[in-house]
Amino acid sequence: MCAMRCVHGQSGPALPAVLAAAAVLTALTASPAEARRRVHHGGGGGYNPPYAAMVVDAKTGRVMHAVNEDALRHPASITKVMTLYLLFEQLERGKMDLDTPLTVSANASRMPPSKLGVRAGSTVTVEEAIKALVTKSANDIACAIGENIAGSEAAFAEMMTRKAHALGMTRTHYANASGLPDADQITTARDLTILARAIQERFPRYYRYFQTRSFAFHGRVIGNHNHLVGRVEGVDGIKTGYTRDSGFNLMTSARIGERHIVAVVLGGKSVASRDTIMTKLVRANLPVAYAGARTAPPVVEVAERPRPAVVAERPVATRTLVASADDDEAVETTNSTGQPLDIAPRGGATPQSSPKWRAAGLGAVPSNAQAYAPPAAAAFPAAGTKYASRLPASEPGEARAPAPREAAVPASKPVTVTPWVIQLGAMDDEGKAKSMLAEARQRSGGALGKAAPFTEKVTHGGTTLFRARFSGFSEAEAAQDACRALKRNGFTCFATRS
């Protein structure tokens, strides 16, 4: 495990502007290994740590605020969001359930604080593990999750990195499941906004665990490190982080009515300054976020390998902690608010169109080819099952997980395709696609009364999929209204031109 002296250094004299620009270009175009070396050793500058932030409108994908959004940073315990992403994936696929015991190895039990303090050889349930990461940010439990899923934490970190790249987090590399200091544990503010959106879109039912205010475990009540949940209007999660290398980090999601943003702050000088910065970002940007129908495609995964999966395609066209991976025991050492910030919403050009991004030869932010949506079978606990009452409750009007699909498969018949259609997903089996269409019509509350279900066969990289679509919409507004009705009933969909 890396000592903090590897990252910290003394700031040298200010570089001339031309040399500073060259340093930025070199860092952006370096290989991943070289980039990690530069952020680890400070790249000849100093690592204090530097500040970075980004705010994204979750409904449009528009960047509302960005500072150093593509600069490499250490994520600290925000790492655990990806750890939970992979754990939620195990639940979704039915490989684990909330009562599945996870064994805590001797290696996991030796992780430094913040930790749950579970003895080697004992077990915790998956649900306890989720709550321990969300509230306590327990490093021992993060390690145990990785070991139980992949056999070793190192193998799990490789899974995390592959998943990050599949999501489009191209500058992220994981070395462990917790976020404890490691030279190779790097990310960017931009990449973390992608993750913040992805975990909500793919796992809306399990995402609600990030709203947990406290967690009772073996007679102890453990509070959530995220001070903004319940204190700042609209904030519904998600994760804090701290090491001396990273500074005080925070990933946040906030929504009021039809407006929804995600935001990331990295390199805060203290808990208070980080929280103050994030509060200002939320209050400045959330009220002016887009309140109409969603226009951004979902954050999607590029398939890591061909496999039969339920997918939803994109629309076409003062105490210093030496090794803590969270701010559990951190005492504020300064009241500084860090760098001066322009926290007003940013309009106009997106970062990928900026001269710096183009000059680096990176081109536009990579787009992804296909997305994973909630499975057709009842992977999320349905109402009436033994787990349903234990999952965080849905708020009125929020999408709920679909129940097991038992609706009759609609008979195949020719359909006249209208200028606008709604797509629910793309399935590896036509029968599954038709079953999804049947249930969507049944549960749409009449919104699809005049729509015609149909499937469309397509091929992606040698994999055959069947799009589940509804025709019957001559205008975009009508299709978007019907899609909103479907989302209120737990379906993922988007309106698109045929």
Protein backbone atom coordinates (compact mmCIF):
# COMPACT_ATOMS: atom_id res chain seq x y z
CA MET A 1 0.00 0.00 0.00
CA CYS A 2 1.36 3.33 -1.01
CA ALA A 3 2.53 5.79 1.62
CA MET A 4 1.39 9.34 1.24
CA ARG A 5 4.93 10.63 0.81
CA CYS A 6 4.77 9.31 -2.78
CA VAL A 7 2.17 11.89 -3.66
CA HIS A 8 2.98 14.85 -1.51
CA GLY A 9 5.68 17.26 -2.44
CA GLN A 10 6.57 20.90 -2.12
CA SER A 11 5.11 23.24 -4.72
CA GLY A 12 7.83 24.67 -6.89
CA PRO A 13 7.97 28.13 -8.46
CA ALA A 14 5.20 29.05 -10.88
CA LEU A 15 5.85 27.79 -14.40
CA PRO A 16 5.69 30.16 -17.34
CA ALA A 17 2.40 29.94 -19.19
CA VAL A 18 3.87 28.11 -22.16
CA LEU A 19 5.47 25.44 -20.00
CA ALA A 20 2.24 25.01 -18.01
CA ALA A 21 0.30 24.48 -21.23
CA ALA A 22 2.85 21.93 -22.41
CA ALA A 23 2.60 20.09 -19.10
CA VAL A 24 -1.19 19.87 -19.43
CA LEU A 25 -0.89 18.54 -22.98
CA THR A 26 1.73 15.98 -21.99
CA ALA A 27 -0.36 14.73 -19.07
CA LEU A 28 -3.44 14.32 -21.25
CA THR A 29 -1.65 12.45 -24.05
CA ALA A 30 0.52 10.22 -21.86
CA SER A 31 -0.07 6.49 -21.63
CA PRO A 32 -2.25 5.33 -18.70
CA ALA A 33 0.81 4.02 -16.84
CA GLU A 34 2.71 7.26 -17.39
CA ALA A 35 -0.34 9.30 -16.43
CA ARG A 36 -0.65 7.38 -13.18
CA ARG A 37 3.03 7.95 -12.49
CA ARG A 38 2.61 11.69 -13.04
CA VAL A 39 -0.36 12.10 -10.74
CA HIS A 40 1.36 9.90 -8.15
CA HIS A 41 4.58 11.87 -8.09
CA GLY A 42 3.02 15.24 -8.72
CA GLY A 43 4.35 15.52 -12.30
CA GLY A 44 7.10 17.85 -11.09
CA GLY A 45 4.59 20.27 -9.57
CA GLY A 46 3.09 19.58 -6.20
CA TYR A 47 0.10 17.55 -5.14
CA ASN A 48 -1.72 19.51 -2.49
CA PRO A 49 -4.22 17.97 -3.63
CA PRO A 50 -5.51 20.04 -6.55
CA TYR A 51 -9.19 20.82 -6.93
CA ALA A 52 -11.52 19.41 -9.60
CA ALA A 53 -15.30 19.51 -10.02
CA MET A 54 -18.06 18.85 -12.50
CA VAL A 55 -21.85 19.22 -12.61
CA VAL A 56 -23.94 17.47 -15.29
CA ASP A 57 -27.63 17.75 -16.09
CA ALA A 58 -28.68 14.10 -15.85
CA LYS A 59 -31.62 14.53 -18.23
CA THR A 60 -29.72 16.17 -21.09
CA GLY A 61 -26.09 15.29 -20.42
CA ARG A 62 -25.22 19.00 -20.58
CA VAL A 63 -22.18 20.07 -18.59
CA MET A 64 -23.26 22.89 -16.28
CA HIS A 65 -19.98 23.47 -14.42
CA ALA A 66 -16.48 22.09 -14.84
CA VAL A 67 -13.05 22.75 -13.35
CA ASN A 68 -10.11 20.42 -14.09
CA GLU A 69 -12.70 17.84 -15.09
CA ASP A 70 -10.28 15.66 -17.09
CA ALA A 71 -7.29 15.91 -14.73
CA LEU A 72 -6.26 12.71 -12.99
CA ARG A 73 -7.17 12.48 -9.31
CA HIS A 74 -7.34 9.81 -6.59
CA PRO A 75 -10.97 8.85 -5.89
CA ALA A 76 -10.58 7.69 -2.24
CA SER A 77 -13.81 6.08 -0.98
CA ILE A 78 -15.86 7.20 -3.97
CA THR A 79 -14.25 4.00 -5.29
CA LYS A 80 -16.89 2.10 -3.33
CA VAL A 81 -19.60 3.30 -5.73
CA MET A 82 -18.06 1.02 -8.37
CA THR A 83 -17.68 -1.74 -5.77
CA LEU A 84 -21.41 -1.49 -5.12
CA TYR A 85 -22.16 -1.29 -8.85
CA LEU A 86 -20.61 -4.75 -9.27
CA LEU A 87 -22.38 -6.06 -6.16
CA PHE A 88 -25.74 -4.77 -7.44
CA GLU A 89 -24.95 -6.57 -10.69
CA GLN A 90 -24.65 -9.83 -8.75
CA LEU A 91 -28.09 -9.19 -7.23
CA GLU A 92 -29.56 -8.29 -10.61
CA ARG A 93 -28.30 -11.52 -12.17
CA GLY A 94 -29.58 -13.65 -9.31
CA LYS A 95 -26.10 -14.83 -8.29
CA MET A 96 -26.62 -13.34 -4.82
CA ASP A 97 -29.54 -12.11 -2.76
CA LEU A 98 -29.74 -9.76 0.18
CA ASP A 99 -29.24 -12.61 2.66
CA THR A 100 -26.23 -14.17 0.93
CA PRO A 101 -23.38 -14.41 3.48
CA LEU A 102 -20.07 -12.82 2.56
CA THR A 103 -17.05 -14.28 4.34
CA VAL A 104 -14.59 -11.79 5.82
CA SER A 105 -11.06 -13.10 5.27
CA ALA A 106 -8.04 -12.41 7.44
CA ASN A 107 -6.81 -10.09 4.71
CA ALA A 108 -10.07 -8.14 4.70
CA SER A 109 -10.17 -7.92 8.49
CA ARG A 110 -6.73 -6.28 8.50
CA MET A 111 -7.81 -3.33 6.35
CA PRO A 112 -7.15 0.03 8.05
CA PRO A 113 -10.00 2.35 9.12
CA SER A 114 -12.57 3.31 8.28
CA LYS A 115 -13.83 -0.25 8.93
CA LEU A 116 -16.68 -2.22 10.43
CA GLY A 117 -14.24 -4.25 12.56
CA VAL A 118 -15.55 -7.72 11.74
CA ARG A 119 -13.36 -10.63 12.81
CA ALA A 120 -11.67 -12.89 10.29
CA GLY A 121 -13.77 -15.93 9.43
CA SER A 122 -17.08 -14.27 10.29
CA THR A 123 -19.72 -13.30 7.75
CA VAL A 124 -21.95 -10.37 6.91
CA THR A 125 -24.97 -10.47 4.65
CA VAL A 126 -25.03 -8.70 1.32
CA GLU A 127 -27.51 -6.18 2.71
CA GLU A 128 -25.29 -5.48 5.72
CA ALA A 129 -22.36 -5.04 3.35
CA ILE A 130 -24.27 -2.53 1.24
CA LYS A 131 -25.24 -0.47 4.28
CA ALA A 132 -21.73 -0.69 5.73
CA LEU A 133 -20.26 0.82 2.57
CA VAL A 134 -22.93 3.50 2.21
CA THR A 135 -22.75 4.69 5.82
CA LYS A 136 -19.48 3.62 7.45
CA SER A 137 -17.52 3.40 4.18
CA ALA A 138 -16.01 0.24 5.64
CA ASN A 139 -12.75 -0.78 3.98
CA ASP A 140 -12.81 -4.29 5.44
CA ILE A 141 -16.25 -4.93 3.95
CA ALA A 142 -15.29 -3.46 0.57
CA CYS A 143 -12.36 -5.87 0.44
CA ALA A 144 -14.63 -8.76 1.48
CA ILE A 145 -17.09 -7.92 -1.31
CA GLY A 146 -14.29 -8.03 -3.86
CA GLU A 147 -12.89 -11.29 -2.57
CA ASN A 148 -16.29 -12.98 -2.49
CA ILE A 149 -17.16 -11.92 -6.03
CA ALA A 150 -13.82 -12.34 -7.79
CA GLY A 151 -11.73 -14.57 -5.49
CA SER A 152 -9.23 -11.85 -4.68
CA GLU A 153 -9.27 -8.09 -4.34
CA ALA A 154 -6.72 -7.76 -7.15
CA ALA A 155 -8.95 -9.72 -9.53
CA PHE A 156 -11.93 -7.63 -8.43
CA ALA A 157 -10.02 -4.41 -9.14
CA GLU A 158 -9.44 -5.67 -12.67
CA MET A 159 -13.20 -6.27 -12.97
CA MET A 160 -13.82 -2.74 -11.71
CA THR A 161 -11.46 -1.26 -14.28
CA ARG A 162 -13.03 -3.22 -17.13
CA LYS A 163 -16.46 -2.10 -16.03
CA ALA A 164 -15.33 1.52 -15.80
CA HIS A 165 -13.99 1.42 -19.35
CA ALA A 166 -17.16 -0.31 -20.58
CA LEU A 167 -19.15 2.61 -19.15
CA GLY A 168 -16.94 5.15 -20.91
CA MET A 169 -14.81 6.03 -17.86
CA THR A 170 -11.74 5.98 -20.06
CA ARG A 171 -9.29 7.62 -17.67
CA THR A 172 -10.16 5.54 -14.61
CA HIS A 173 -8.08 2.69 -13.20
CA TYR A 174 -8.79 0.76 -10.00
CA ALA A 175 -6.24 -1.04 -7.85
CA ASN A 176 -8.48 -1.99 -4.90
CA ALA A 177 -12.11 -2.14 -3.84
CA SER A 178 -11.97 0.45 -1.06
CA GLY A 179 -10.12 3.51 -2.31
CA LEU A 180 -7.24 3.14 0.13
CA PRO A 181 -4.12 4.95 -1.15
CA ASP A 182 -2.52 3.41 -4.22
CA ALA A 183 -0.57 5.12 -6.97
CA ASP A 184 -2.63 3.33 -9.63
CA GLN A 185 -6.05 4.22 -8.19
CA ILE A 186 -6.98 7.14 -10.46
CA THR A 187 -10.01 8.77 -12.01
CA THR A 188 -11.34 12.14 -13.15
CA ALA A 189 -14.30 14.28 -12.19
CA ARG A 190 -15.81 13.62 -15.61
CA ASP A 191 -15.51 9.85 -15.21
CA LEU A 192 -17.16 9.99 -11.79
CA THR A 193 -20.18 11.88 -13.14
CA ILE A 194 -20.59 9.04 -15.63
CA LEU A 195 -20.57 6.53 -12.76
CA ALA A 196 -23.00 8.63 -10.71
CA ARG A 197 -25.51 8.53 -13.56
CA ALA A 198 -24.89 4.90 -14.50
CA ILE A 199 -25.53 3.37 -11.08
CA GLN A 200 -28.88 5.18 -10.80
CA GLU A 201 -30.02 4.33 -14.30
CA ARG A 202 -29.14 0.65 -14.15
CA PHE A 203 -30.06 -0.05 -10.52
CA PRO A 204 -32.83 2.39 -9.54
CA ARG A 205 -34.16 0.05 -6.83
CA TYR A 206 -30.80 -0.59 -5.15
CA TYR A 207 -29.59 2.98 -5.61
CA ARG A 208 -31.98 4.01 -2.84
CA TYR A 209 -29.61 2.44 -0.30
CA PHE A 210 -27.47 5.56 -0.76
CA GLN A 211 -30.18 7.47 1.09
CA THR A 212 -29.59 5.42 4.25
CA ARG A 213 -29.13 7.84 7.15
CA SER A 214 -27.95 5.29 9.73
CA PHE A 215 -27.17 1.60 10.01
CA ALA A 216 -27.64 -0.58 13.10
CA PHE A 217 -25.04 -3.35 13.35
CA HIS A 218 -24.47 -5.56 16.40
CA GLY A 219 -25.74 -2.98 18.83
CA ARG A 220 -24.04 -0.02 17.17
CA VAL A 221 -25.78 2.73 15.23
CA ILE A 222 -23.57 4.00 12.43
CA GLY A 223 -24.35 7.33 10.79
CA ASN A 224 -23.86 8.25 7.15
CA HIS A 225 -20.74 10.28 6.33
CA ASN A 226 -22.64 12.17 3.65
CA HIS A 227 -23.79 15.24 5.58
CA LEU A 228 -25.77 16.68 2.68
CA VAL A 229 -28.38 13.90 2.60
CA GLY A 230 -31.42 15.27 4.40
CA ARG A 231 -29.84 18.69 4.89
CA VAL A 232 -29.66 20.15 1.39
CA GLU A 233 -32.91 20.18 -0.53
CA GLY A 234 -32.96 17.67 -3.36
CA VAL A 235 -29.83 15.71 -2.43
CA ASP A 236 -30.51 11.96 -2.49
CA GLY A 237 -26.93 10.59 -2.23
CA ILE A 238 -24.38 9.36 -2.94
CA LYS A 239 -20.77 9.02 -1.56
CA THR A 240 -17.98 10.79 0.30
CA GLY A 241 -14.26 10.05 0.28
CA TYR A 242 -11.06 11.13 1.94
CA THR A 243 -7.38 10.31 1.99
CA ARG A 244 -4.54 12.71 2.46
CA ASP A 245 -3.60 12.12 -1.17
CA SER A 246 -7.06 12.89 -2.53
CA GLY A 247 -8.34 15.56 -0.20
CA PHE A 248 -12.04 15.61 0.68
CA ASN A 249 -14.16 14.23 -2.16
CA LEU A 250 -17.90 14.06 -2.70
CA MET A 251 -20.16 12.58 -5.38
CA THR A 252 -23.72 13.91 -5.23
CA SER A 253 -27.06 13.37 -6.93
CA ALA A 254 -29.85 15.90 -6.48
CA ARG A 255 -33.33 16.19 -7.91
CA ILE A 256 -36.36 18.39 -7.37
CA GLY A 257 -39.47 17.72 -9.39
CA GLU A 258 -38.43 16.99 -12.97
CA ARG A 259 -34.92 18.45 -12.56
CA HIS A 260 -31.95 16.16 -11.85
CA ILE A 261 -28.20 16.79 -11.67
CA VAL A 262 -25.13 14.84 -10.64
CA ALA A 263 -22.05 16.60 -9.28
CA VAL A 264 -18.53 15.70 -8.18
CA VAL A 265 -16.09 17.70 -6.03
CA LEU A 266 -12.52 16.41 -5.61
CA GLY A 267 -9.68 17.81 -3.55
CA GLY A 268 -11.65 19.73 -0.92
CA LYS A 269 -9.54 21.25 1.85
CA SER A 270 -11.82 20.08 4.66
CA VAL A 271 -15.15 18.40 5.27
CA ALA A 272 -16.79 21.79 5.78
CA SER A 273 -15.29 23.45 2.71
CA ARG A 274 -16.10 20.46 0.50
CA ASP A 275 -19.69 20.38 1.72
CA THR A 276 -19.99 24.14 1.30
CA ILE A 277 -18.72 23.98 -2.27
CA MET A 278 -21.08 21.14 -3.15
CA THR A 279 -24.04 22.86 -1.51
CA LYS A 280 -23.39 25.99 -3.58
CA LEU A 281 -23.05 23.93 -6.76
CA VAL A 282 -26.36 22.16 -6.10
CA ARG A 283 -28.23 25.33 -5.24
CA ALA A 284 -26.84 27.20 -8.24
CA ASN A 285 -27.39 24.49 -10.85
CA LEU A 286 -30.37 22.37 -9.82
CA PRO A 287 -32.99 25.15 -10.18
CA VAL A 288 -31.92 25.78 -13.78
CA ALA A 289 -31.52 22.15 -14.83
CA TYR A 290 -33.75 20.91 -17.63
CA ALA A 291 -37.29 20.04 -16.51
CA GLY A 292 -38.65 18.60 -19.76
CA ALA A 293 -38.56 15.10 -21.17
CA ARG A 294 -35.21 13.37 -21.05
CA THR A 295 -33.13 13.92 -24.17
CA ALA A 296 -29.85 12.27 -23.20
CA PRO A 297 -29.42 8.59 -24.00
CA PRO A 298 -28.78 6.43 -20.94
CA VAL A 299 -25.23 5.93 -19.73
CA VAL A 300 -24.50 2.64 -21.38
CA GLU A 301 -22.00 -0.15 -21.23
CA VAL A 302 -20.02 -1.26 -24.22
CA ALA A 303 -20.31 -5.04 -24.08
CA GLU A 304 -17.17 -6.53 -22.56
CA ARG A 305 -17.87 -9.77 -24.43
CA PRO A 306 -20.81 -11.27 -26.30
CA ARG A 307 -23.35 -12.73 -23.89
CA PRO A 308 -27.11 -13.18 -23.76
CA ALA A 309 -28.21 -10.07 -21.92
CA VAL A 310 -31.15 -7.74 -21.63
CA VAL A 311 -30.03 -4.51 -23.20
CA ALA A 312 -31.59 -1.19 -24.06
CA GLU A 313 -29.99 0.45 -27.02
CA ARG A 314 -29.23 4.12 -27.30
CA PRO A 315 -31.42 6.20 -29.55
CA VAL A 316 -29.90 6.39 -32.97
CA ALA A 317 -29.26 9.84 -34.62
CA THR A 318 -6.57 18.12 13.68
CA ARG A 319 -5.49 14.78 12.96
CA THR A 320 -4.16 13.61 9.67
CA LEU A 321 -5.28 10.18 8.61
CA VAL A 322 -2.43 8.16 7.22
CA ALA A 323 -4.47 5.50 5.42
CA SER A 324 -8.14 6.25 5.80
CA ALA A 325 -10.29 5.80 2.71
CA ASP A 326 -13.00 8.08 3.99
CA ASP A 327 -13.49 11.03 6.30
CA ASP A 328 -14.75 8.85 9.16
CA GLU A 329 -12.25 10.09 11.73
CA ALA A 330 -10.93 13.13 9.91
CA VAL A 331 -10.80 16.36 11.87
CA GLU A 332 -10.97 19.56 9.85
CA THR A 333 -7.57 21.18 9.66
CA THR A 334 -8.64 24.36 7.95
CA ASN A 335 -11.70 26.47 7.37
CA SER A 336 -10.41 27.38 3.94
CA THR A 337 -12.91 27.02 1.15
CA GLY A 338 -10.15 26.10 -1.25
CA GLN A 339 -9.81 27.74 -4.62
CA PRO A 340 -12.07 30.60 -5.67
CA LEU A 341 -14.97 29.07 -7.55
CA ASP A 342 -17.29 30.23 -10.27
CA ILE A 343 -20.19 27.97 -9.35
CA ALA A 344 -22.79 29.50 -11.63
CA PRO A 345 -24.28 27.19 -14.28
CA ARG A 346 -22.15 27.02 -17.36
CA GLY A 347 -23.83 27.21 -20.74
CA GLY A 348 -22.71 26.79 -24.28
CA ALA A 349 -19.86 24.51 -25.24
CA THR A 350 -19.32 21.17 -23.62
CA PRO A 351 -15.84 20.17 -22.37
CA GLN A 352 -15.28 17.77 -25.27
CA SER A 353 -15.44 20.76 -27.64
CA SER A 354 -12.89 22.75 -25.66
CA PRO A 355 -9.51 23.62 -27.24
CA LYS A 356 -7.67 21.72 -24.50
CA TRP A 357 -9.59 18.51 -25.21
CA ARG A 358 -9.08 18.84 -29.00
CA ALA A 359 -5.43 19.81 -28.66
CA ALA A 360 -4.76 16.68 -26.66
CA GLY A 361 -5.76 14.60 -29.66
CA LEU A 362 -8.48 12.84 -27.71
CA GLY A 363 -11.38 13.88 -29.93
CA ALA A 364 -14.91 13.76 -28.63
CA VAL A 365 -15.82 11.88 -25.48
CA PRO A 366 -16.29 8.25 -26.60
CA SER A 367 -19.87 7.19 -27.18
CA ASN A 368 -21.00 3.71 -26.28
CA ALA A 369 -22.87 1.18 -28.33
CA GLN A 370 -25.32 -0.53 -26.03
CA ALA A 371 -26.77 -0.29 -22.57
CA TYR A 372 -27.92 -2.63 -19.89
CA ALA A 373 -31.44 -2.08 -18.56
CA PRO A 374 -33.28 -3.75 -15.67
CA PRO A 375 -33.74 -7.39 -16.72
CA ALA A 376 -37.00 -8.74 -18.04
CA ALA A 377 -37.22 -11.43 -15.39
CA ALA A 378 -37.84 -10.26 -11.84
CA ALA A 379 -34.24 -9.61 -10.89
CA PHE A 380 -35.29 -6.81 -8.55
CA PRO A 381 -37.38 -8.04 -5.62
CA ALA A 382 -41.01 -7.63 -6.57
CA ALA A 383 -43.84 -6.60 -4.28
CA GLY A 384 -44.80 -9.49 -2.05
CA THR A 385 -41.40 -11.20 -2.08
CA LYS A 386 -39.43 -11.67 1.12
CA TYR A 387 -37.01 -8.84 0.20
CA ALA A 388 -39.46 -6.22 -1.04
CA SER A 389 -40.24 -4.78 2.39
CA ARG A 390 -36.53 -4.44 3.22
CA LEU A 391 -35.52 -2.41 0.21
CA PRO A 392 -35.73 1.37 0.55
CA ALA A 393 -39.24 2.42 -0.38
CA SER A 394 -40.03 4.16 -3.63
CA GLU A 395 -41.14 7.74 -3.38
CA PRO A 396 -44.58 8.62 -4.80
CA GLY A 397 -44.37 8.87 -8.55
CA GLU A 398 -40.96 7.20 -8.80
CA ALA A 399 -40.33 4.25 -11.06
CA ARG A 400 -40.80 0.91 -9.38
CA ALA A 401 -39.22 -2.39 -10.25
CA PRO A 402 -41.25 -4.48 -12.66
CA ALA A 403 -43.00 -7.58 -11.34
CA PRO A 404 -42.34 -11.03 -12.87
CA ARG A 405 -43.44 -11.03 -16.48
CA GLU A 406 -46.39 -13.38 -16.87
CA ALA A 407 -48.38 -11.42 -19.44
CA ALA A 408 -49.39 -13.13 -22.66
CA VAL A 409 -47.08 -12.74 -25.62
CA PRO A 410 -48.75 -10.59 -28.28
CA ALA A 411 -49.44 -12.26 -31.57
CA SER A 412 -47.19 -11.28 -34.45
CA LYS A 413 -48.85 -9.13 -37.08
CA PRO A 414 -47.78 -6.45 -39.53
CA VAL A 415 -47.40 -3.03 -37.96
CA THR A 416 -47.30 0.33 -39.70
CA VAL A 417 -44.31 2.14 -38.26
CA THR A 418 -45.08 5.79 -37.49
CA PRO A 419 -42.55 8.68 -37.58
CA TRP A 420 -41.97 8.32 -33.83
CA VAL A 421 -41.72 5.12 -31.78
CA ILE A 422 -40.99 4.15 -28.18
CA GLN A 423 -38.29 1.59 -27.46
CA LEU A 424 -38.28 -0.33 -24.18
CA GLY A 425 -35.17 -2.38 -24.76
CA ALA A 426 -33.40 -4.89 -26.96
CA MET A 427 -33.52 -8.52 -25.89
CA ASP A 428 -31.52 -11.57 -26.83
CA ASP A 429 -34.78 -13.48 -27.43
CA GLU A 430 -37.83 -12.35 -29.39
CA GLY A 431 -40.22 -14.00 -26.95
CA LYS A 432 -38.78 -11.93 -24.10
CA ALA A 433 -39.17 -8.76 -26.16
CA LYS A 434 -42.82 -9.56 -26.90
CA SER A 435 -43.48 -10.40 -23.25
CA MET A 436 -42.02 -7.04 -22.21
CA LEU A 437 -44.29 -5.28 -24.70
CA ALA A 438 -47.35 -7.10 -23.41
CA GLU A 439 -46.69 -6.15 -19.81
CA ALA A 440 -45.87 -2.56 -20.74
CA ARG A 441 -49.23 -2.19 -22.47
CA GLN A 442 -50.99 -3.78 -19.50
CA ARG A 443 -49.36 -1.48 -16.95
CA SER A 444 -49.24 1.74 -18.95
CA GLY A 445 -52.52 3.11 -17.56
CA GLY A 446 -53.97 3.59 -21.02
CA ALA A 447 -51.03 5.59 -22.36
CA LEU A 448 -50.39 2.88 -24.96
CA GLY A 449 -54.04 2.22 -25.78
CA LYS A 450 -53.63 3.15 -29.45
CA ALA A 451 -49.99 2.10 -29.81
CA ALA A 452 -48.97 -1.00 -31.74
CA PRO A 453 -46.26 -3.28 -30.29
CA PHE A 454 -43.66 -4.75 -32.61
CA THR A 455 -40.18 -6.26 -32.53
CA GLU A 456 -37.28 -5.41 -34.80
CA LYS A 457 -34.36 -7.75 -35.35
CA VAL A 458 -30.89 -6.16 -35.30
CA THR A 459 -27.31 -7.38 -35.06
CA HIS A 460 -24.55 -5.82 -32.92
CA GLY A 461 -21.06 -7.25 -33.29
CA GLY A 462 -22.35 -10.66 -34.23
CA THR A 463 -24.98 -10.70 -31.48
CA THR A 464 -28.62 -10.81 -32.56
CA LEU A 465 -31.05 -8.68 -30.57
CA PHE A 466 -34.75 -7.93 -30.81
CA ARG A 467 -35.87 -4.37 -30.18
CA ALA A 468 -39.09 -4.08 -28.19
CA ARG A 469 -40.94 -1.06 -29.64
CA PHE A 470 -44.31 0.66 -29.79
CA SER A 471 -45.48 2.43 -32.95
CA GLY A 472 -48.39 4.84 -33.20
CA PHE A 473 -46.90 8.29 -32.59
CA SER A 474 -46.83 10.96 -35.26
CA GLU A 475 -45.16 13.57 -33.05
CA ALA A 476 -42.28 13.55 -30.58
CA GLU A 477 -44.36 15.02 -27.75
CA ALA A 478 -46.91 12.20 -27.83
CA ALA A 479 -44.17 9.56 -27.79
CA GLN A 480 -42.38 11.27 -24.92
CA ASP A 481 -45.60 11.54 -22.89
CA ALA A 482 -46.22 7.81 -23.29
CA CYS A 483 -42.63 7.05 -22.34
CA ARG A 484 -42.95 9.11 -19.16
CA ALA A 485 -46.04 7.08 -18.24
CA LEU A 486 -44.05 3.88 -18.72
CA LYS A 487 -41.20 5.16 -16.56
CA ARG A 488 -43.61 5.89 -13.74
CA ASN A 489 -44.48 2.20 -13.83
CA GLY A 490 -40.94 0.91 -13.68
CA PHE A 491 -39.98 0.60 -17.35
CA THR A 492 -36.89 1.98 -19.05
CA CYS A 493 -37.69 3.54 -22.43
CA PHE A 494 -36.93 6.34 -24.82
CA ALA A 495 -38.72 8.02 -27.70
CA THR A 496 -36.93 8.03 -31.04
CA ARG A 497 -37.54 8.63 -34.73
CA SER A 498 -38.30 5.45 -36.62
